[in-house]
Amino acid sequence: MKKIHPRTVFPYYYFFCQLSFFITKMTSLLISHSHNANSHTHAKND
């Protein structure tokens, strides 16, 4: 196996961090949105 240099790995690591942060942000937005939608439907049902 070739020795991996940190300089070549860092961009991928940085990209992965950005991607995971973006996914977390989007999922939290989706969850809050669906939660608001559910609360609205519950309010209508009442």
PDB file of N, CA and C in Angstrom:
ATOM      1  N   MET A   1       0.837  -1.205   0.000  1.00  0.00           N
ATOM      2  CA  MET A   1       0.000   0.000   0.000  1.00  0.00           C
ATOM      3  C   MET A   1       0.873   1.256   0.000  1.00  0.00           C
ATOM      4  N   LYS A   2       0.424   2.244  -0.728  1.00  0.00           N
ATOM      5  CA  LYS A   2       1.161   3.500  -0.737  1.00  0.00           C
ATOM      6  C   LYS A   2       0.858   4.289   0.523  1.00  0.00           C
ATOM      7  N   LYS A   3       1.844   5.026   0.963  1.00  0.00           N
ATOM      8  CA  LYS A   3       1.644   5.865   2.141  1.00  0.00           C
ATOM      9  C   LYS A   3       0.805   7.087   1.745  1.00  0.00           C
ATOM     10  N   ILE A   4      -0.241   7.321   2.505  1.00  0.00           N
ATOM     11  CA  ILE A   4      -1.131   8.439   2.183  1.00  0.00           C
ATOM     12  C   ILE A   4      -0.619   9.710   2.843  1.00  0.00           C
ATOM     13  N   HIS A   5      -0.470  10.748   2.048  1.00  0.00           N
ATOM     14  CA  HIS A   5       0.000  12.019   2.586  1.00  0.00           C
ATOM     15  C   HIS A   5      -1.183  12.837   3.083  1.00  0.00           C
ATOM     16  N   PRO A   6      -1.067  13.448   4.241  1.00  0.00           N
ATOM     17  CA  PRO A   6      -2.168  14.255   4.789  1.00  0.00           C
ATOM     18  C   PRO A   6      -2.619  15.354   3.823  1.00  0.00           C
ATOM     19  N   ARG A   7      -1.682  15.861   3.045  1.00  0.00           N
ATOM     20  CA  ARG A   7      -2.018  16.954   2.140  1.00  0.00           C
ATOM     21  C   ARG A   7      -3.027  16.513   1.087  1.00  0.00           C
ATOM     22  N   THR A   8      -2.974  15.251   0.687  1.00  0.00           N
ATOM     23  CA  THR A   8      -3.927  14.759  -0.313  1.00  0.00           C
ATOM     24  C   THR A   8      -5.240  14.361   0.343  1.00  0.00           C
ATOM     25  N   VAL A   9      -5.180  13.993   1.611  1.00  0.00           N
ATOM     26  CA  VAL A   9      -6.381  13.544   2.312  1.00  0.00           C
ATOM     27  C   VAL A   9      -7.214  14.725   2.826  1.00  0.00           C
ATOM     28  N   PHE A  10      -6.542  15.798   3.188  1.00  0.00           N
ATOM     29  CA  PHE A  10      -7.236  16.925   3.813  1.00  0.00           C
ATOM     30  C   PHE A  10      -8.408  17.466   3.001  1.00  0.00           C
ATOM     31  N   PRO A  11      -8.267  17.706   1.687  1.00  0.00           N
ATOM     32  CA  PRO A  11      -9.417  18.214   0.928  1.00  0.00           C
ATOM     33  C   PRO A  11     -10.624  17.293   1.023  1.00  0.00           C
ATOM     34  N   TYR A  12     -10.387  15.992   0.977  1.00  0.00           N
ATOM     35  CA  TYR A  12     -11.499  15.052   1.087  1.00  0.00           C
ATOM     36  C   TYR A  12     -12.130  15.123   2.479  1.00  0.00           C
ATOM     37  N   TYR A  13     -11.301  15.233   3.485  1.00  0.00           N
ATOM     38  CA  TYR A  13     -11.792  15.327   4.868  1.00  0.00           C
ATOM     39  C   TYR A  13     -12.605  16.603   5.050  1.00  0.00           C
ATOM     40  N   TYR A  14     -12.106  17.696   4.503  1.00  0.00           N
ATOM     41  CA  TYR A  14     -12.808  18.979   4.593  1.00  0.00           C
ATOM     42  C   TYR A  14     -14.152  18.896   3.873  1.00  0.00           C
ATOM     43  N   PHE A  15     -14.147  18.311   2.679  1.00  0.00           N
ATOM     44  CA  PHE A  15     -15.370  18.154   1.903  1.00  0.00           C
ATOM     45  C   PHE A  15     -16.378  17.293   2.657  1.00  0.00           C
ATOM     46  N   PHE A  16     -15.903  16.242   3.293  1.00  0.00           N
ATOM     47  CA  PHE A  16     -16.775  15.351   4.060  1.00  0.00           C
ATOM     48  C   PHE A  16     -17.397  16.105   5.229  1.00  0.00           C
ATOM     49  N   CYS A  17     -16.609  16.933   5.896  1.00  0.00           N
ATOM     50  CA  CYS A  17     -17.129  17.719   7.025  1.00  0.00           C
ATOM     51  C   CYS A  17     -18.204  18.685   6.547  1.00  0.00           C
ATOM     52  N   GLN A  18     -17.939  19.351   5.435  1.00  0.00           N
ATOM     53  CA  GLN A  18     -18.914  20.288   4.885  1.00  0.00           C
ATOM     54  C   GLN A  18     -20.194  19.554   4.501  1.00  0.00           C
ATOM     55  N   LEU A  19     -20.041  18.386   3.895  1.00  0.00           N
ATOM     56  CA  LEU A  19     -21.185  17.601   3.448  1.00  0.00           C
ATOM     57  C   LEU A  19     -22.014  17.145   4.640  1.00  0.00           C
ATOM     58  N   SER A  20     -21.353  16.632   5.660  1.00  0.00           N
ATOM     59  CA  SER A  20     -22.082  16.162   6.840  1.00  0.00           C
ATOM     60  C   SER A  20     -22.795  17.320   7.528  1.00  0.00           C
ATOM     61  N   PHE A  21     -22.158  18.482   7.581  1.00  0.00           N
ATOM     62  CA  PHE A  21     -22.786  19.661   8.184  1.00  0.00           C
ATOM     63  C   PHE A  21     -24.024  20.059   7.391  1.00  0.00           C
ATOM     64  N   PHE A  22     -23.905  20.039   6.055  1.00  0.00           N
ATOM     65  CA  PHE A  22     -25.028  20.392   5.190  1.00  0.00           C
ATOM     66  C   PHE A  22     -26.184  19.416   5.371  1.00  0.00           C
ATOM     67  N   ILE A  23     -25.868  18.129   5.448  1.00  0.00           N
ATOM     68  CA  ILE A  23     -26.908  17.105   5.626  1.00  0.00           C
ATOM     69  C   ILE A  23     -27.603  17.293   6.971  1.00  0.00           C
ATOM     70  N   THR A  24     -26.829  17.559   8.000  1.00  0.00           N
ATOM     71  CA  THR A  24     -27.422  17.767   9.328  1.00  0.00           C
ATOM     72  C   THR A  24     -28.342  18.978   9.315  1.00  0.00           C
ATOM     73  N   LYS A  25     -27.899  20.033   8.646  1.00  0.00           N
ATOM     74  CA  LYS A  25     -28.693  21.259   8.564  1.00  0.00           C
ATOM     75  C   LYS A  25     -29.999  21.001   7.823  1.00  0.00           C
ATOM     76  N   MET A  26     -29.910  20.295   6.704  1.00  0.00           N
ATOM     77  CA  MET A  26     -31.100  20.020   5.900  1.00  0.00           C
ATOM     78  C   MET A  26     -32.069  19.109   6.647  1.00  0.00           C
ATOM     79  N   THR A  27     -31.551  18.093   7.310  1.00  0.00           N
ATOM     80  CA  THR A  27     -32.437  17.174   8.033  1.00  0.00           C
ATOM     81  C   THR A  27     -33.138  17.901   9.175  1.00  0.00           C
ATOM     82  N   SER A  28     -32.420  18.776   9.872  1.00  0.00           N
ATOM     83  CA  SER A  28     -33.051  19.530  10.965  1.00  0.00           C
ATOM     84  C   SER A  28     -34.130  20.448  10.415  1.00  0.00           C
ATOM     85  N   LEU A  29     -33.875  21.053   9.245  1.00  0.00           N
ATOM     86  CA  LEU A  29     -34.877  21.916   8.626  1.00  0.00           C
ATOM     87  C   LEU A  29     -36.099  21.097   8.222  1.00  0.00           C
ATOM     88  N   LEU A  30     -35.864  19.933   7.633  1.00  0.00           N
ATOM     89  CA  LEU A  30     -36.971  19.076   7.213  1.00  0.00           C
ATOM     90  C   LEU A  30     -37.777  18.613   8.415  1.00  0.00           C
ATOM     91  N   ILE A  31     -37.087  18.247   9.483  1.00  0.00           N
ATOM     92  CA  ILE A  31     -37.772  17.775  10.686  1.00  0.00           C
ATOM     93  C   ILE A  31     -38.632  18.894  11.274  1.00  0.00           C
ATOM     94  N   SER A  32     -38.064  20.092  11.365  1.00  0.00           N
ATOM     95  CA  SER A  32     -38.821  21.212  11.928  1.00  0.00           C
ATOM     96  C   SER A  32     -40.001  21.539  11.018  1.00  0.00           C
ATOM     97  N   HIS A  33     -39.803  21.455   9.710  1.00  0.00           N
ATOM     98  CA  HIS A  33     -40.875  21.754   8.764  1.00  0.00           C
ATOM     99  C   HIS A  33     -42.003  20.735   8.889  1.00  0.00           C
ATOM    100  N   SER A  34     -41.643  19.468   8.930  1.00  0.00           N
ATOM    101  CA  SER A  34     -42.666  18.422   9.050  1.00  0.00           C
ATOM    102  C   SER A  34     -43.368  18.541  10.408  1.00  0.00           C
ATOM    103  N   HIS A  35     -42.622  18.915  11.434  1.00  0.00           N
ATOM    104  CA  HIS A  35     -43.216  19.079  12.766  1.00  0.00           C
ATOM    105  C   HIS A  35     -44.230  20.221  12.742  1.00  0.00           C
ATOM    106  N   ASN A  36     -43.888  21.321  12.077  1.00  0.00           N
ATOM    107  CA  ASN A  36     -44.813  22.444  11.969  1.00  0.00           C
ATOM    108  C   ASN A  36     -46.051  22.040  11.179  1.00  0.00           C
ATOM    109  N   ALA A  37     -45.852  21.264  10.120  1.00  0.00           N
ATOM    110  CA  ALA A  37     -46.978  20.801   9.310  1.00  0.00           C
ATOM    111  C   ALA A  37     -47.885  19.912  10.147  1.00  0.00           C
ATOM    112  N   ASN A  38     -47.287  19.039  10.954  1.00  0.00           N
ATOM    113  CA  ASN A  38     -48.078  18.152  11.799  1.00  0.00           C
ATOM    114  C   ASN A  38     -48.872  18.943  12.825  1.00  0.00           C
ATOM    115  N   SER A  39     -48.263  19.960  13.397  1.00  0.00           N
ATOM    116  CA  SER A  39     -48.955  20.772  14.396  1.00  0.00           C
ATOM    117  C   SER A  39     -50.125  21.508  13.742  1.00  0.00           C
ATOM    118  N   HIS A  40     -49.929  21.951  12.501  1.00  0.00           N
ATOM    119  CA  HIS A  40     -51.003  22.641  11.802  1.00  0.00           C
ATOM    120  C   HIS A  40     -52.156  21.683  11.528  1.00  0.00           C
ATOM    121  N   THR A  41     -51.837  20.470  11.100  1.00  0.00           N
ATOM    122  CA  THR A  41     -52.894  19.502  10.810  1.00  0.00           C
ATOM    123  C   THR A  41     -53.626  19.138  12.092  1.00  0.00           C
ATOM    124  N   HIS A  42     -52.888  19.007  13.185  1.00  0.00           N
ATOM    125  CA  HIS A  42     -53.536  18.691  14.462  1.00  0.00           C
ATOM    126  C   HIS A  42     -54.460  19.834  14.877  1.00  0.00           C
ATOM    127  N   ALA A  43     -54.025  21.052  14.640  1.00  0.00           N
ATOM    128  CA  ALA A  43     -54.843  22.213  15.001  1.00  0.00           C
ATOM    129  C   ALA A  43     -56.131  22.213  14.166  1.00  0.00           C
ATOM    130  N   LYS A  44     -56.000  21.860  12.886  1.00  0.00           N
ATOM    131  CA  LYS A  44     -57.177  21.818  12.020  1.00  0.00           C
ATOM    132  C   LYS A  44     -58.129  20.709  12.479  1.00  0.00           C
ATOM    133  N   ASN A  45     -57.560  19.583  12.872  1.00  0.00           N
ATOM    134  CA  ASN A  45     -58.398  18.466  13.311  1.00  0.00           C
ATOM    135  C   ASN A  45     -59.174  18.828  14.568  1.00  0.00           C
ATOM    136  N   ASP A  46     -58.553  19.619  15.429  1.00  0.00           N
ATOM    137  CA  ASP A  46     -59.239  20.026  16.659  1.00  0.00           C
ATOM    138  C   ASP A  46     -60.337  21.009  16.288  1.00  0.00           C
TER     139      ASP A  46
END
